[in-house]
């Protein structure tokens, strides 16, 4: 994982579980040498209301945050590639 860009998104049935999970994941990825992108931080809270019966993310705001995360991850991947 050393030098690889990582984006983190998480979902939880409450407000705090997703935040705590991301804090731990950031620590783990950092200790492995990965580059955790700083933003956006995607926390899908009260997730049971934001996914449809097919398991698809149906909340517009959350979908836009995930889209932004993926775009930033792609940008970081290109930046890190250029530095090699």
PDB file of N, CA and C in Angstrom:
ATOM      1  N   UNK A   1       0.811  -1.203   0.000  1.00  0.00           N
ATOM      2  CA  UNK A   1       0.000   0.000   0.000  1.00  0.00           C
ATOM      3  C   UNK A   1       0.855   1.269   0.000  1.00  0.00           C
ATOM      4  N   UNK A   2       2.155   1.096   0.210  1.00  0.00           N
ATOM      5  CA  UNK A   2       3.024   2.271   0.312  1.00  0.00           C
ATOM      6  C   UNK A   2       2.893   3.157  -0.922  1.00  0.00           C
ATOM      7  N   UNK A   3       2.538   4.418  -0.671  1.00  0.00           N
ATOM      8  CA  UNK A   3       2.435   5.397  -1.745  1.00  0.00           C
ATOM      9  C   UNK A   3       1.154   5.352  -2.546  1.00  0.00           C
ATOM     10  N   UNK A   4       0.264   4.446  -2.229  1.00  0.00           N
ATOM     11  CA  UNK A   4      -0.994   4.332  -2.970  1.00  0.00           C
ATOM     12  C   UNK A   4      -2.023   5.300  -2.391  1.00  0.00           C
ATOM     13  N   UNK A   5      -2.783   5.988  -3.243  1.00  0.00           N
ATOM     14  CA  UNK A   5      -3.830   6.871  -2.745  1.00  0.00           C
ATOM     15  C   UNK A   5      -5.045   6.059  -2.277  1.00  0.00           C
ATOM     16  N   UNK A   6      -5.639   6.505  -1.194  1.00  0.00           N
ATOM     17  CA  UNK A   6      -6.802   5.821  -0.629  1.00  0.00           C
ATOM     18  C   UNK A   6      -7.872   6.858  -0.304  1.00  0.00           C
ATOM     19  N   UNK A   7      -9.085   6.575  -0.717  1.00  0.00           N
ATOM     20  CA  UNK A   7     -10.240   7.383  -0.329  1.00  0.00           C
ATOM     21  C   UNK A   7     -11.105   6.549   0.596  1.00  0.00           C
ATOM     22  N   UNK A   8     -11.662   7.186   1.606  1.00  0.00           N
ATOM     23  CA  UNK A   8     -12.476   6.453   2.570  1.00  0.00           C
ATOM     24  C   UNK A   8     -13.887   7.030   2.599  1.00  0.00           C
ATOM     25  N   UNK A   9     -14.854   6.155   2.492  1.00  0.00           N
ATOM     26  CA  UNK A   9     -16.263   6.505   2.671  1.00  0.00           C
ATOM     27  C   UNK A   9     -16.836   5.452   3.604  1.00  0.00           C
ATOM     28  N   UNK A  10     -17.728   5.867   4.467  1.00  0.00           N
ATOM     29  CA  UNK A  10     -18.308   4.898   5.388  1.00  0.00           C
ATOM     30  C   UNK A  10     -19.771   5.222   5.638  1.00  0.00           C
ATOM     31  N   UNK A  11     -20.490   4.211   6.079  1.00  0.00           N
ATOM     32  CA  UNK A  11     -21.911   4.350   6.374  1.00  0.00           C
ATOM     33  C   UNK A  11     -22.204   3.680   7.704  1.00  0.00           C
ATOM     34  N   UNK A  12     -23.143   4.257   8.428  1.00  0.00           N
ATOM     35  CA  UNK A  12     -23.497   3.733   9.742  1.00  0.00           C
ATOM     36  C   UNK A  12     -24.959   4.027  10.032  1.00  0.00           C
ATOM     37  N   UNK A  13     -25.510   3.269  10.931  1.00  0.00           N
ATOM     38  CA  UNK A  13     -26.912   3.475  11.298  1.00  0.00           C
ATOM     39  C   UNK A  13     -27.089   4.618  12.298  1.00  0.00           C
ATOM     40  N   UNK A  14     -25.978   5.182  12.772  1.00  0.00           N
ATOM     41  CA  UNK A  14     -26.084   6.322  13.687  1.00  0.00           C
ATOM     42  C   UNK A  14     -25.141   7.426  13.231  1.00  0.00           C
ATOM     43  N   UNK A  15     -24.955   8.419  14.059  1.00  0.00           N
ATOM     44  CA  UNK A  15     -24.130   9.564  13.689  1.00  0.00           C
ATOM     45  C   UNK A  15     -22.646   9.334  13.968  1.00  0.00           C
ATOM     46  N   UNK A  16     -22.319   8.541  14.973  1.00  0.00           N
ATOM     47  CA  UNK A  16     -20.936   8.437  15.417  1.00  0.00           C
ATOM     48  C   UNK A  16     -20.165   7.244  14.873  1.00  0.00           C
ATOM     49  N   UNK A  17     -20.829   6.159  14.564  1.00  0.00           N
ATOM     50  CA  UNK A  17     -20.131   4.945  14.140  1.00  0.00           C
ATOM     51  C   UNK A  17     -19.283   5.150  12.908  1.00  0.00           C
ATOM     52  N   UNK A  18     -19.796   5.882  11.950  1.00  0.00           N
ATOM     53  CA  UNK A  18     -19.062   6.104  10.703  1.00  0.00           C
ATOM     54  C   UNK A  18     -17.826   6.968  10.931  1.00  0.00           C
ATOM     55  N   UNK A  19     -17.916   7.930  11.839  1.00  0.00           N
ATOM     56  CA  UNK A  19     -16.768   8.794  12.151  1.00  0.00           C
ATOM     57  C   UNK A  19     -15.681   7.983  12.840  1.00  0.00           C
ATOM     58  N   UNK A  20     -16.059   7.192  13.816  1.00  0.00           N
ATOM     59  CA  UNK A  20     -15.079   6.364  14.530  1.00  0.00           C
ATOM     60  C   UNK A  20     -14.416   5.362  13.591  1.00  0.00           C
ATOM     61  N   UNK A  21     -15.193   4.761  12.721  1.00  0.00           N
ATOM     62  CA  UNK A  21     -14.638   3.784  11.782  1.00  0.00           C
ATOM     63  C   UNK A  21     -13.598   4.450  10.875  1.00  0.00           C
ATOM     64  N   UNK A  22     -13.900   5.638  10.395  1.00  0.00           N
ATOM     65  CA  UNK A  22     -12.948   6.317   9.522  1.00  0.00           C
ATOM     66  C   UNK A  22     -11.672   6.711  10.257  1.00  0.00           C
ATOM     67  N   UNK A  23     -11.783   7.126  11.495  1.00  0.00           N
ATOM     68  CA  UNK A  23     -10.581   7.466  12.269  1.00  0.00           C
ATOM     69  C   UNK A  23      -9.654   6.264  12.341  1.00  0.00           C
ATOM     70  N   UNK A  24     -10.211   5.099  12.613  1.00  0.00           N
ATOM     71  CA  UNK A  24      -9.389   3.885  12.705  1.00  0.00           C
ATOM     72  C   UNK A  24      -8.810   3.504  11.345  1.00  0.00           C
ATOM     73  N   UNK A  25      -9.625   3.583  10.310  1.00  0.00           N
ATOM     74  CA  UNK A  25      -9.124   3.245   8.982  1.00  0.00           C
ATOM     75  C   UNK A  25      -7.994   4.177   8.551  1.00  0.00           C
ATOM     76  N   UNK A  26      -8.129   5.461   8.845  1.00  0.00           N
ATOM     77  CA  UNK A  26      -7.067   6.413   8.506  1.00  0.00           C
ATOM     78  C   UNK A  26      -5.762   6.030   9.198  1.00  0.00           C
ATOM     79  N   UNK A  27      -5.838   5.666  10.463  1.00  0.00           N
ATOM     80  CA  UNK A  27      -4.641   5.254  11.199  1.00  0.00           C
ATOM     81  C   UNK A  27      -4.019   4.012  10.565  1.00  0.00           C
ATOM     82  N   UNK A  28      -4.847   3.056  10.228  1.00  0.00           N
ATOM     83  CA  UNK A  28      -4.350   1.807   9.648  1.00  0.00           C
ATOM     84  C   UNK A  28      -3.688   2.064   8.304  1.00  0.00           C
ATOM     85  N   UNK A  29      -4.366   2.785   7.412  1.00  0.00           N
ATOM     86  CA  UNK A  29      -3.801   3.049   6.090  1.00  0.00           C
ATOM     87  C   UNK A  29      -2.525   3.879   6.176  1.00  0.00           C
ATOM     88  N   UNK A  30      -2.504   4.857   7.068  1.00  0.00           N
ATOM     89  CA  UNK A  30      -1.301   5.679   7.233  1.00  0.00           C
ATOM     90  C   UNK A  30      -0.131   4.841   7.703  1.00  0.00           C
ATOM     91  N   UNK A  31      -0.381   3.930   8.645  1.00  0.00           N
ATOM     92  CA  UNK A  31       0.708   3.082   9.143  1.00  0.00           C
ATOM     93  C   UNK A  31       1.215   2.126   8.061  1.00  0.00           C
ATOM     94  N   UNK A  32       0.403   1.877   7.050  1.00  0.00           N
ATOM     95  CA  UNK A  32       0.809   1.019   5.939  1.00  0.00           C
ATOM     96  C   UNK A  32       1.517   1.805   4.837  1.00  0.00           C
ATOM     97  N   UNK A  33       1.610   3.119   5.010  1.00  0.00           N
ATOM     98  CA  UNK A  33       2.285   3.950   4.024  1.00  0.00           C
ATOM     99  C   UNK A  33       1.394   4.468   2.917  1.00  0.00           C
ATOM    100  N   UNK A  34       0.103   4.229   3.017  1.00  0.00           N
ATOM    101  CA  UNK A  34      -0.821   4.728   2.003  1.00  0.00           C
ATOM    102  C   UNK A  34      -1.010   6.236   2.173  1.00  0.00           C
ATOM    103  N   UNK A  35      -1.431   6.877   1.104  1.00  0.00           N
ATOM    104  CA  UNK A  35      -1.715   8.307   1.136  1.00  0.00           C
ATOM    105  C   UNK A  35      -3.229   8.459   1.193  1.00  0.00           C
ATOM    106  N   UNK A  36      -3.744   8.756   2.373  1.00  0.00           N
ATOM    107  CA  UNK A  36      -5.190   8.926   2.539  1.00  0.00           C
ATOM    108  C   UNK A  36      -5.545  10.347   2.110  1.00  0.00           C
ATOM    109  N   UNK A  37      -6.388  10.463   1.091  1.00  0.00           N
ATOM    110  CA  UNK A  37      -6.721  11.795   0.603  1.00  0.00           C
ATOM    111  C   UNK A  37      -7.510  12.545   1.678  1.00  0.00           C
ATOM    112  N   UNK A  38      -7.239  13.837   1.819  1.00  0.00           N
ATOM    113  CA  UNK A  38      -7.801  14.585   2.936  1.00  0.00           C
ATOM    114  C   UNK A  38      -9.275  14.966   2.808  1.00  0.00           C
ATOM    115  N   UNK A  39      -9.771  15.041   1.572  1.00  0.00           N
ATOM    116  CA  UNK A  39     -11.162  15.445   1.416  1.00  0.00           C
ATOM    117  C   UNK A  39     -11.737  14.920   0.113  1.00  0.00           C
ATOM    118  N   UNK A  40     -13.008  14.799   0.050  1.00  0.00           N
ATOM    119  CA  UNK A  40     -13.980  15.028   1.112  1.00  0.00           C
ATOM    120  C   UNK A  40     -14.041  13.837   2.061  1.00  0.00           C
ATOM    121  N   UNK A  41     -14.469  14.119   3.254  1.00  0.00           N
ATOM    122  CA  UNK A  41     -14.743  13.048   4.202  1.00  0.00           C
ATOM    123  C   UNK A  41     -16.202  12.653   3.998  1.00  0.00           C
ATOM    124  N   UNK A  42     -16.428  11.409   3.619  1.00  0.00           N
ATOM    125  CA  UNK A  42     -17.792  10.959   3.301  1.00  0.00           C
ATOM    126  C   UNK A  42     -18.309  10.105   4.446  1.00  0.00           C
ATOM    127  N   UNK A  43     -19.253  10.674   5.175  1.00  0.00           N
ATOM    128  CA  UNK A  43     -19.904   9.986   6.288  1.00  0.00           C
ATOM    129  C   UNK A  43     -21.382   9.856   5.948  1.00  0.00           C
ATOM    130  N   UNK A  44     -21.833   8.657   5.658  1.00  0.00           N
ATOM    131  CA  UNK A  44     -23.257   8.435   5.404  1.00  0.00           C
ATOM    132  C   UNK A  44     -23.876   7.993   6.726  1.00  0.00           C
ATOM    133  N   UNK A  45     -24.467   8.947   7.415  1.00  0.00           N
ATOM    134  CA  UNK A  45     -25.088   8.652   8.708  1.00  0.00           C
ATOM    135  C   UNK A  45     -26.545   8.245   8.498  1.00  0.00           C
ATOM    136  N   UNK A  46     -27.073   7.505   9.447  1.00  0.00           N
ATOM    137  CA  UNK A  46     -28.452   7.008   9.358  1.00  0.00           C
ATOM    138  C   UNK A  46     -28.678   6.342   7.995  1.00  0.00           C
ATOM    139  N   UNK A  47     -27.761   5.455   7.672  1.00  0.00           N
ATOM    140  CA  UNK A  47     -27.680   4.855   6.341  1.00  0.00           C
ATOM    141  C   UNK A  47     -28.935   4.086   5.929  1.00  0.00           C
ATOM    142  N   UNK A  48     -29.656   3.551   6.896  1.00  0.00           N
ATOM    143  CA  UNK A  48     -30.845   2.766   6.527  1.00  0.00           C
ATOM    144  C   UNK A  48     -31.856   3.597   5.745  1.00  0.00           C
ATOM    145  N   UNK A  49     -31.780   4.928   5.881  1.00  0.00           N
ATOM    146  CA  UNK A  49     -32.690   5.809   5.149  1.00  0.00           C
ATOM    147  C   UNK A  49     -32.108   6.294   3.828  1.00  0.00           C
ATOM    148  N   UNK A  50     -30.873   5.928   3.532  1.00  0.00           N
ATOM    149  CA  UNK A  50     -30.191   6.495   2.376  1.00  0.00           C
ATOM    150  C   UNK A  50     -29.852   5.472   1.299  1.00  0.00           C
ATOM    151  N   UNK A  51     -30.239   4.233   1.511  1.00  0.00           N
ATOM    152  CA  UNK A  51     -30.050   3.185   0.518  1.00  0.00           C
ATOM    153  C   UNK A  51     -31.413   2.602   0.169  1.00  0.00           C
ATOM    154  N   UNK A  52     -31.606   2.243  -1.099  1.00  0.00           N
ATOM    155  CA  UNK A  52     -32.884   1.644  -1.486  1.00  0.00           C
ATOM    156  C   UNK A  52     -32.859   0.135  -1.223  1.00  0.00           C
ATOM    157  N   UNK A  53     -33.917  -0.543  -1.596  1.00  0.00           N
ATOM    158  CA  UNK A  53     -34.033  -1.976  -1.317  1.00  0.00           C
ATOM    159  C   UNK A  53     -33.027  -2.815  -2.102  1.00  0.00           C
ATOM    160  N   UNK A  54     -32.460  -2.253  -3.151  1.00  0.00           N
ATOM    161  CA  UNK A  54     -31.450  -2.959  -3.937  1.00  0.00           C
ATOM    162  C   UNK A  54     -30.040  -2.722  -3.386  1.00  0.00           C
ATOM    163  N   UNK A  55     -29.947  -1.924  -2.323  1.00  0.00           N
ATOM    164  CA  UNK A  55     -28.642  -1.628  -1.734  1.00  0.00           C
ATOM    165  C   UNK A  55     -27.919  -0.482  -2.421  1.00  0.00           C
ATOM    166  N   UNK A  56     -28.628   0.249  -3.265  1.00  0.00           N
ATOM    167  CA  UNK A  56     -28.023   1.371  -3.980  1.00  0.00           C
ATOM    168  C   UNK A  56     -28.166   2.650  -3.158  1.00  0.00           C
ATOM    169  N   UNK A  57     -27.118   3.444  -3.159  1.00  0.00           N
ATOM    170  CA  UNK A  57     -27.147   4.716  -2.451  1.00  0.00           C
ATOM    171  C   UNK A  57     -28.120   5.636  -3.175  1.00  0.00           C
ATOM    172  N   UNK A  58     -29.215   5.986  -2.523  1.00  0.00           N
ATOM    173  CA  UNK A  58     -30.262   6.761  -3.178  1.00  0.00           C
ATOM    174  C   UNK A  58     -30.328   8.211  -2.700  1.00  0.00           C
ATOM    175  N   UNK A  59     -29.603   8.565  -1.675  1.00  0.00           N
ATOM    176  CA  UNK A  59     -29.594   9.929  -1.152  1.00  0.00           C
ATOM    177  C   UNK A  59     -28.730  10.805  -2.054  1.00  0.00           C
ATOM    178  N   UNK A  60     -29.311  11.875  -2.570  1.00  0.00           N
ATOM    179  CA  UNK A  60     -28.619  12.732  -3.535  1.00  0.00           C
ATOM    180  C   UNK A  60     -27.348  13.357  -2.945  1.00  0.00           C
ATOM    181  N   UNK A  61     -27.441  13.881  -1.751  1.00  0.00           N
ATOM    182  CA  UNK A  61     -26.279  14.521  -1.116  1.00  0.00           C
ATOM    183  C   UNK A  61     -25.135  13.530  -0.937  1.00  0.00           C
ATOM    184  N   UNK A  62     -25.450  12.357  -0.442  1.00  0.00           N
ATOM    185  CA  UNK A  62     -24.423  11.337  -0.238  1.00  0.00           C
ATOM    186  C   UNK A  62     -23.817  10.902  -1.561  1.00  0.00           C
ATOM    187  N   UNK A  63     -24.644  10.777  -2.589  1.00  0.00           N
ATOM    188  CA  UNK A  63     -24.136  10.389  -3.911  1.00  0.00           C
ATOM    189  C   UNK A  63     -23.165  11.441  -4.445  1.00  0.00           C
ATOM    190  N   UNK A  64     -23.475  12.698  -4.253  1.00  0.00           N
ATOM    191  CA  UNK A  64     -22.590  13.775  -4.702  1.00  0.00           C
ATOM    192  C   UNK A  64     -21.271  13.758  -3.929  1.00  0.00           C
ATOM    193  N   UNK A  65     -21.331  13.451  -2.640  1.00  0.00           N
ATOM    194  CA  UNK A  65     -20.108  13.360  -1.842  1.00  0.00           C
ATOM    195  C   UNK A  65     -19.231  12.208  -2.325  1.00  0.00           C
ATOM    196  N   UNK A  66     -19.833  11.078  -2.617  1.00  0.00           N
ATOM    197  CA  UNK A  66     -19.076   9.926  -3.124  1.00  0.00           C
ATOM    198  C   UNK A  66     -18.475  10.262  -4.486  1.00  0.00           C
ATOM    199  N   UNK A  67     -19.238  10.925  -5.330  1.00  0.00           N
ATOM    200  CA  UNK A  67     -18.731  11.333  -6.639  1.00  0.00           C
ATOM    201  C   UNK A  67     -17.510  12.236  -6.476  1.00  0.00           C
ATOM    202  N   UNK A  68     -17.591  13.189  -5.580  1.00  0.00           N
ATOM    203  CA  UNK A  68     -16.471  14.093  -5.324  1.00  0.00           C
ATOM    204  C   UNK A  68     -15.258  13.341  -4.786  1.00  0.00           C
ATOM    205  N   UNK A  69     -15.504  12.366  -3.914  1.00  0.00           N
ATOM    206  CA  UNK A  69     -14.415  11.548  -3.377  1.00  0.00           C
ATOM    207  C   UNK A  69     -13.703  10.793  -4.496  1.00  0.00           C
ATOM    208  N   UNK A  70     -14.451  10.207  -5.392  1.00  0.00           N
ATOM    209  CA  UNK A  70     -13.862   9.451  -6.497  1.00  0.00           C
ATOM    210  C   UNK A  70     -13.069  10.374  -7.428  1.00  0.00           C
ATOM    211  N   UNK A  71     -13.610  11.553  -7.701  1.00  0.00           N
ATOM    212  CA  UNK A  71     -12.896  12.508  -8.549  1.00  0.00           C
ATOM    213  C   UNK A  71     -11.585  12.944  -7.889  1.00  0.00           C
ATOM    214  N   UNK A  72     -11.624  13.236  -6.591  1.00  0.00           N
ATOM    215  CA  UNK A  72     -10.407  13.631  -5.882  1.00  0.00           C
ATOM    216  C   UNK A  72      -9.403  12.486  -5.816  1.00  0.00           C
ATOM    217  N   UNK A  73      -9.892  11.285  -5.646  1.00  0.00           N
ATOM    218  CA  UNK A  73      -9.011  10.120  -5.619  1.00  0.00           C
ATOM    219  C   UNK A  73      -8.288   9.964  -6.959  1.00  0.00           C
ATOM    220  N   UNK A  74      -9.002  10.159  -8.045  1.00  0.00           N
ATOM    221  CA  UNK A  74      -8.385  10.084  -9.377  1.00  0.00           C
ATOM    222  C   UNK A  74      -7.323  11.171  -9.540  1.00  0.00           C
ATOM    223  N   UNK A  75      -7.616  12.376  -9.070  1.00  0.00           N
ATOM    224  CA  UNK A  75      -6.642  13.467  -9.145  1.00  0.00           C
ATOM    225  C   UNK A  75      -5.385  13.133  -8.349  1.00  0.00           C
ATOM    226  N   UNK A  76      -5.564  12.608  -7.137  1.00  0.00           N
ATOM    227  CA  UNK A  76      -4.418  12.231  -6.303  1.00  0.00           C
ATOM    228  C   UNK A  76      -3.605  11.119  -6.955  1.00  0.00           C
ATOM    229  N   UNK A  77      -4.280  10.171  -7.574  1.00  0.00           N
ATOM    230  CA  UNK A  77      -3.576   9.065  -8.232  1.00  0.00           C
ATOM    231  C   UNK A  77      -2.681   9.607  -9.343  1.00  0.00           C
ATOM    232  N   UNK A  78      -3.191  10.547 -10.130  1.00  0.00           N
ATOM    233  CA  UNK A  78      -2.385  11.148 -11.194  1.00  0.00           C
ATOM    234  C   UNK A  78      -1.220  11.943 -10.619  1.00  0.00           C
ATOM    235  N   UNK A  79      -1.469  12.697  -9.573  1.00  0.00           N
ATOM    236  CA  UNK A  79      -0.416  13.491  -8.935  1.00  0.00           C
ATOM    237  C   UNK A  79       0.698  12.601  -8.399  1.00  0.00           C
ATOM    238  N   UNK A  80       0.319  11.549  -7.724  1.00  0.00           N
ATOM    239  CA  UNK A  80       1.322  10.638  -7.161  1.00  0.00           C
ATOM    240  C   UNK A  80       2.098   9.905  -8.257  1.00  0.00           C
ATOM    241  N   UNK A  81       1.423   9.584  -9.345  1.00  0.00           N
ATOM    242  CA  UNK A  81       2.089   8.923 -10.466  1.00  0.00           C
ATOM    243  C   UNK A  81       3.159   9.826 -11.069  1.00  0.00           C
ATOM    244  N   UNK A  82       2.846  11.127 -11.175  1.00  0.00           N
ATOM    245  CA  UNK A  82       3.781  12.089 -11.750  1.00  0.00           C
ATOM    246  C   UNK A  82       5.020  12.266 -10.869  1.00  0.00           C
ATOM    247  N   UNK A  83       4.887  12.043  -9.578  1.00  0.00           N
ATOM    248  CA  UNK A  83       6.009  12.228  -8.664  1.00  0.00           C
ATOM    249  C   UNK A  83       6.987  11.069  -8.679  1.00  0.00           C
ATOM    250  N   UNK A  84       6.648   9.983  -9.314  1.00  0.00           N
ATOM    251  CA  UNK A  84       7.552   8.811  -9.349  1.00  0.00           C
ATOM    252  C   UNK A  84       8.634   8.995 -10.355  1.00  0.00           C
TER     253      UNK A  84
END
